[in-house]
Amino acid sequence: MRDNTAVYGGAISCKSCSLLSLTSTEFYHNSAFTTSPLNGGLGGIMYLEDPTTVTLNKIKAIDAHAMNKGGFVYAVGTSSSPTATLTIDNTPFVSALTLEQFKADTSGGGFYVDHPKLSVSMITPVAVKNSKALSGSGGFFYFNQIGAVTIGSSTFEDVSSTVSGSFLYSVAPGLQLTVTSSQVNCASTPQLSSSTPLDLSSTLGIMSPSSTRGGAFYIKDATTATQVNGMTLYNCHTGDKGGVYSLINTILND
């Protein structure tokens, strides 16, 4: 699917779909545009409303843009929605599944999820590169409401937001997050070196309200313990509070 655009879901809009299964599908240069500042621009590739089962197996997605939220996927539901799953799979494994060049003009460079009964699984090797929230939070993941999220054996390079959570931003009280054996490199080139002075605000404009890159994780109100094991994070240190973790009313086991 190449060079497509729509207001909701640049390539796919799926409402109340009991099953959406894509295998070896490729997406290039898709976008979601706005018809007014508050209308549309959701899901550069996919817009999912009250889905049940979504499986993306061995897909490739390159260059997606949402003029509002969710550069790759925007998913929405309510407490009365059916229990739902979104699985990004890469079996049988040959090489890492490729997701590259996502951006959202506000928040959720890759995923924007506002669905309290949706679980997301990404546990087979996925390589994400260059995903940005241009004026908001959540360089790759933004969770307003969500259930369980499981991420494993994946790499995320050059992910950034201008506010908080260059990798992941969550204010979802139902978040049950597990991340294992993964790597996050917020910036493709180091932001600091051992010879850099500690006070950088006058030269780089960081450590100040005008910070240009949020720390890796911003998690608020996740009272079910967040589990992080075997994870490497680097170049995520120009945020205002917490280069790696900014935690508010949250339980974390690392």
Protein backbone atom coordinates (compact mmCIF):
# COMPACT_ATOMS: atom_id res chain seq x y z
CA MET A 1 0.00 0.00 0.00
CA ARG A 2 1.80 3.09 -1.24
CA ASP A 3 1.12 6.84 -1.35
CA ASN A 4 -2.32 6.81 0.24
CA THR A 5 -4.00 9.43 2.40
CA ALA A 6 -7.22 9.83 4.37
CA VAL A 7 -8.62 11.75 7.31
CA TYR A 8 -8.79 8.63 9.51
CA GLY A 9 -6.24 5.92 8.71
CA GLY A 10 -3.97 6.77 5.78
CA ALA A 11 -4.20 3.22 4.43
CA ILE A 12 -6.73 1.35 6.62
CA SER A 13 -9.71 2.42 8.72
CA CYS A 14 -11.30 -0.44 10.64
CA LYS A 15 -14.37 0.03 12.86
CA SER A 16 -15.75 -2.83 14.97
CA CYS A 17 -13.63 -5.34 13.06
CA SER A 18 -13.70 -8.76 14.70
CA LEU A 19 -10.54 -9.76 12.82
CA LEU A 20 -7.92 -7.84 10.88
CA SER A 21 -4.95 -9.99 9.89
CA LEU A 22 -2.16 -8.77 7.61
CA THR A 23 0.80 -10.92 6.57
CA SER A 24 3.84 -9.70 4.61
CA THR A 25 2.03 -6.46 3.82
CA GLU A 26 4.16 -3.43 2.97
CA PHE A 27 3.25 0.22 3.57
CA TYR A 28 5.10 3.18 2.03
CA HIS A 29 4.39 6.92 2.26
CA ASN A 30 0.92 6.90 3.84
CA SER A 31 -0.62 9.77 5.80
CA ALA A 32 -3.66 10.99 7.71
CA PHE A 33 -4.60 14.62 7.23
CA THR A 34 -6.77 17.06 9.15
CA THR A 35 -9.79 18.87 7.74
CA SER A 36 -9.72 21.33 10.65
CA PRO A 37 -7.49 21.66 13.74
CA LEU A 38 -9.72 19.29 15.75
CA ASN A 39 -10.87 16.88 13.06
CA GLY A 40 -8.98 13.90 11.68
CA GLY A 41 -5.30 13.40 11.14
CA LEU A 42 -5.46 10.18 13.17
CA GLY A 43 -3.45 7.09 12.22
CA GLY A 44 -0.90 7.63 9.48
CA ILE A 45 -1.39 4.02 8.37
CA MET A 46 -4.23 2.57 10.51
CA TYR A 47 -7.22 3.88 12.39
CA LEU A 48 -8.76 1.23 14.66
CA GLU A 49 -12.07 1.88 16.44
CA ASP A 50 -13.42 -0.86 18.71
CA PRO A 51 -11.31 -3.61 17.13
CA THR A 52 -11.29 -7.16 18.51
CA THR A 53 -8.29 -8.98 17.05
CA VAL A 54 -5.59 -7.26 14.98
CA THR A 55 -2.53 -9.23 13.86
CA LEU A 56 0.30 -7.68 11.85
CA ASN A 57 2.71 -10.44 10.82
CA LYS A 58 6.00 -9.76 9.03
CA ILE A 59 4.85 -6.38 7.78
CA LYS A 60 7.09 -3.54 6.62
CA ALA A 61 6.08 0.08 7.16
CA ILE A 62 8.18 3.03 6.02
CA ASP A 63 7.34 6.74 6.07
CA ALA A 64 3.99 7.40 7.72
CA HIS A 65 2.68 10.75 8.93
CA ALA A 66 -0.32 11.72 11.04
CA MET A 67 -1.10 15.41 11.05
CA ASN A 68 -2.58 14.91 14.51
CA LYS A 69 -1.93 11.68 16.49
CA GLY A 70 -0.62 8.18 15.84
CA GLY A 71 1.95 8.22 13.04
CA PHE A 72 1.53 4.47 12.51
CA VAL A 73 -1.59 3.38 14.42
CA TYR A 74 -4.37 5.22 16.22
CA ALA A 75 -6.58 2.93 18.31
CA VAL A 76 -9.65 4.00 20.27
CA GLY A 77 -12.29 2.26 22.36
CA THR A 78 -14.34 2.57 25.55
CA SER A 79 -14.98 0.57 28.69
CA SER A 80 -17.95 -1.03 26.91
CA SER A 81 -15.82 -2.13 23.95
CA PRO A 82 -14.98 -5.82 23.57
CA THR A 83 -11.65 -7.04 24.92
CA ALA A 84 -9.14 -6.52 22.12
CA THR A 85 -5.61 -7.51 21.10
CA LEU A 86 -3.10 -5.97 18.73
CA THR A 87 -0.16 -8.25 17.95
CA ILE A 88 2.90 -7.38 15.92
CA ASP A 89 4.43 -10.72 15.02
CA ASN A 90 7.55 -11.76 13.14
CA THR A 91 7.41 -15.52 12.91
CA PRO A 92 9.01 -17.49 11.51
CA PHE A 93 11.95 -15.20 12.32
CA VAL A 94 14.36 -14.45 9.45
CA SER A 95 15.32 -10.83 10.13
CA ALA A 96 13.92 -8.03 12.27
CA LEU A 97 10.61 -6.62 11.10
CA THR A 98 11.11 -3.04 9.85
CA LEU A 99 9.15 0.01 11.03
CA GLU A 100 10.76 3.31 10.00
CA GLN A 101 10.16 7.03 9.62
CA PHE A 102 6.99 7.70 11.59
CA LYS A 103 5.86 11.08 12.79
CA ALA A 104 2.84 12.68 14.40
CA ASP A 105 2.43 16.42 14.46
CA THR A 106 1.23 16.23 18.09
CA SER A 107 1.60 13.00 20.10
CA GLY A 108 2.23 9.31 19.49
CA GLY A 109 4.85 9.18 16.76
CA GLY A 110 4.17 5.47 16.24
CA PHE A 111 1.17 4.41 18.34
CA TYR A 112 -1.54 6.46 20.00
CA VAL A 113 -3.84 4.25 22.07
CA ASP A 114 -6.96 5.41 23.89
CA HIS A 115 -8.60 2.03 24.54
CA PRO A 116 -8.85 0.65 28.10
CA LYS A 117 -9.45 -2.95 26.98
CA LEU A 118 -6.76 -3.24 24.30
CA SER A 119 -3.62 -5.31 24.89
CA VAL A 120 -0.55 -4.80 22.69
CA SER A 121 2.10 -7.45 22.08
CA MET A 122 5.44 -6.97 20.29
CA ILE A 123 7.61 -9.87 21.46
CA THR A 124 9.40 -11.02 18.32
CA PRO A 125 12.28 -8.99 16.85
CA VAL A 126 11.13 -5.61 15.56
CA ALA A 127 13.47 -2.83 14.43
CA VAL A 128 12.03 0.67 14.82
CA LYS A 129 13.96 3.65 13.51
CA ASN A 130 13.15 7.35 13.41
CA SER A 131 9.81 7.87 15.15
CA LYS A 132 8.90 11.34 16.41
CA ALA A 133 6.19 13.26 18.22
CA LEU A 134 6.79 16.68 16.75
CA SER A 135 5.01 18.90 19.27
CA GLY A 136 3.78 16.56 22.01
CA SER A 137 4.66 13.39 23.91
CA GLY A 138 5.33 9.75 23.14
CA GLY A 139 7.96 9.47 20.42
CA PHE A 140 6.84 5.93 19.62
CA PHE A 141 4.13 4.94 22.14
CA TYR A 142 1.46 7.18 23.66
CA PHE A 143 -1.07 5.51 25.98
CA ASN A 144 -4.05 7.45 27.24
CA GLN A 145 -5.94 4.26 28.10
CA ILE A 146 -4.67 0.71 27.57
CA GLY A 147 -4.44 -2.73 29.17
CA ALA A 148 -1.38 -4.99 28.99
CA VAL A 149 1.65 -4.07 26.86
CA THR A 150 4.42 -6.61 26.22
CA ILE A 151 7.59 -5.67 24.31
CA GLY A 152 10.53 -8.00 23.77
CA SER A 153 13.69 -8.52 21.70
CA SER A 154 13.27 -5.27 19.78
CA THR A 155 15.32 -2.17 19.00
CA PHE A 156 14.19 1.45 18.88
CA GLU A 157 16.57 4.01 17.40
CA ASP A 158 16.16 7.76 17.05
CA VAL A 159 12.85 8.07 18.90
CA SER A 160 11.96 11.48 20.28
CA SER A 161 9.26 13.76 21.60
CA THR A 162 9.40 17.44 22.32
CA VAL A 163 7.68 17.15 25.72
CA SER A 164 7.88 13.81 27.58
CA GLY A 165 8.46 10.14 26.85
CA SER A 166 10.72 9.99 23.81
CA PHE A 167 10.10 6.23 23.72
CA LEU A 168 6.91 5.75 25.74
CA TYR A 169 4.41 8.07 27.40
CA SER A 170 1.55 6.74 29.49
CA VAL A 171 -1.13 8.23 31.71
CA ALA A 172 -3.17 5.01 31.53
CA PRO A 173 -4.18 3.75 34.99
CA GLY A 174 -4.70 0.26 33.61
CA LEU A 175 -1.21 -0.04 32.10
CA GLN A 176 0.47 -3.41 32.70
CA LEU A 177 3.84 -2.96 31.01
CA THR A 178 6.54 -5.58 30.50
CA VAL A 179 9.70 -4.83 28.48
CA THR A 180 12.46 -7.43 28.06
CA SER A 181 15.72 -7.79 26.11
CA SER A 182 15.23 -4.61 24.12
CA GLN A 183 17.28 -1.54 23.27
CA VAL A 184 16.28 2.11 23.07
CA ASN A 185 18.63 4.67 21.54
CA CYS A 186 16.77 7.96 21.75
CA ALA A 187 19.23 9.85 19.57
CA SER A 188 21.20 8.44 16.66
CA THR A 189 24.13 10.64 17.70
CA PRO A 190 25.12 11.24 21.34
CA GLN A 191 23.70 14.37 22.94
CA LEU A 192 26.41 14.59 25.59
CA SER A 193 29.99 13.48 26.08
CA SER A 194 32.20 12.97 29.11
CA SER A 195 33.79 16.36 28.47
CA THR A 196 30.49 18.26 28.29
CA PRO A 197 29.95 20.71 31.18
CA LEU A 198 27.20 19.79 33.60
CA ASP A 199 25.38 23.10 33.11
CA LEU A 200 24.16 22.95 29.53
CA SER A 201 21.17 25.25 29.63
CA SER A 202 22.98 28.27 28.21
CA THR A 203 24.44 26.40 25.24
CA LEU A 204 21.92 23.72 24.30
CA GLY A 205 18.71 25.02 25.84
CA ILE A 206 18.21 21.80 27.78
CA MET A 207 17.51 21.20 31.45
CA SER A 208 14.96 24.00 31.04
CA PRO A 209 11.24 24.35 30.14
CA SER A 210 12.27 24.54 26.47
CA SER A 211 13.71 21.02 26.50
CA THR A 212 13.82 19.57 23.00
CA ARG A 213 13.80 15.85 23.83
CA GLY A 214 11.85 14.11 26.57
CA GLY A 215 13.38 11.29 28.64
CA ALA A 216 12.78 7.72 27.46
CA PHE A 217 9.81 6.81 29.70
CA TYR A 218 7.08 8.96 31.21
CA ILE A 219 4.65 6.82 33.21
CA LYS A 220 1.92 8.13 35.47
CA ASP A 221 -0.58 6.21 37.62
CA ALA A 222 0.62 2.72 36.61
CA THR A 223 -0.06 1.06 39.95
CA THR A 224 0.37 -2.45 38.54
CA ALA A 225 4.14 -2.98 38.62
CA THR A 226 5.97 -2.10 35.41
CA GLN A 227 8.54 -4.82 34.64
CA VAL A 228 11.74 -3.92 32.77
CA ASN A 229 14.38 -6.63 32.34
CA GLY A 230 17.55 -6.81 30.24
CA MET A 231 16.98 -3.46 28.60
CA THR A 232 19.61 -1.00 27.35
CA LEU A 233 18.81 2.70 27.06
CA TYR A 234 21.12 5.46 25.96
CA ASN A 235 21.25 9.00 24.55
CA CYS A 236 17.98 9.77 26.37
CA HIS A 237 19.20 12.56 28.60
CA THR A 238 18.05 15.98 27.57
CA GLY A 239 14.67 15.78 29.23
CA ASP A 240 13.56 18.03 32.07
CA LYS A 241 12.96 15.26 34.64
CA GLY A 242 14.44 11.79 34.30
CA GLY A 243 16.60 11.08 31.27
CA VAL A 244 15.44 7.46 31.35
CA TYR A 245 12.45 7.28 33.72
CA SER A 246 10.02 9.99 34.76
CA LEU A 247 7.62 8.21 37.12
CA ILE A 248 4.58 9.58 38.93
CA ASN A 249 2.50 7.39 41.25
CA THR A 250 3.95 4.34 39.54
CA ILE A 251 5.49 1.02 40.58
CA LEU A 252 8.61 -0.07 38.65
CA ASN A 253 10.77 -3.19 38.84
CA ASP A 254 13.97 -2.95 36.80
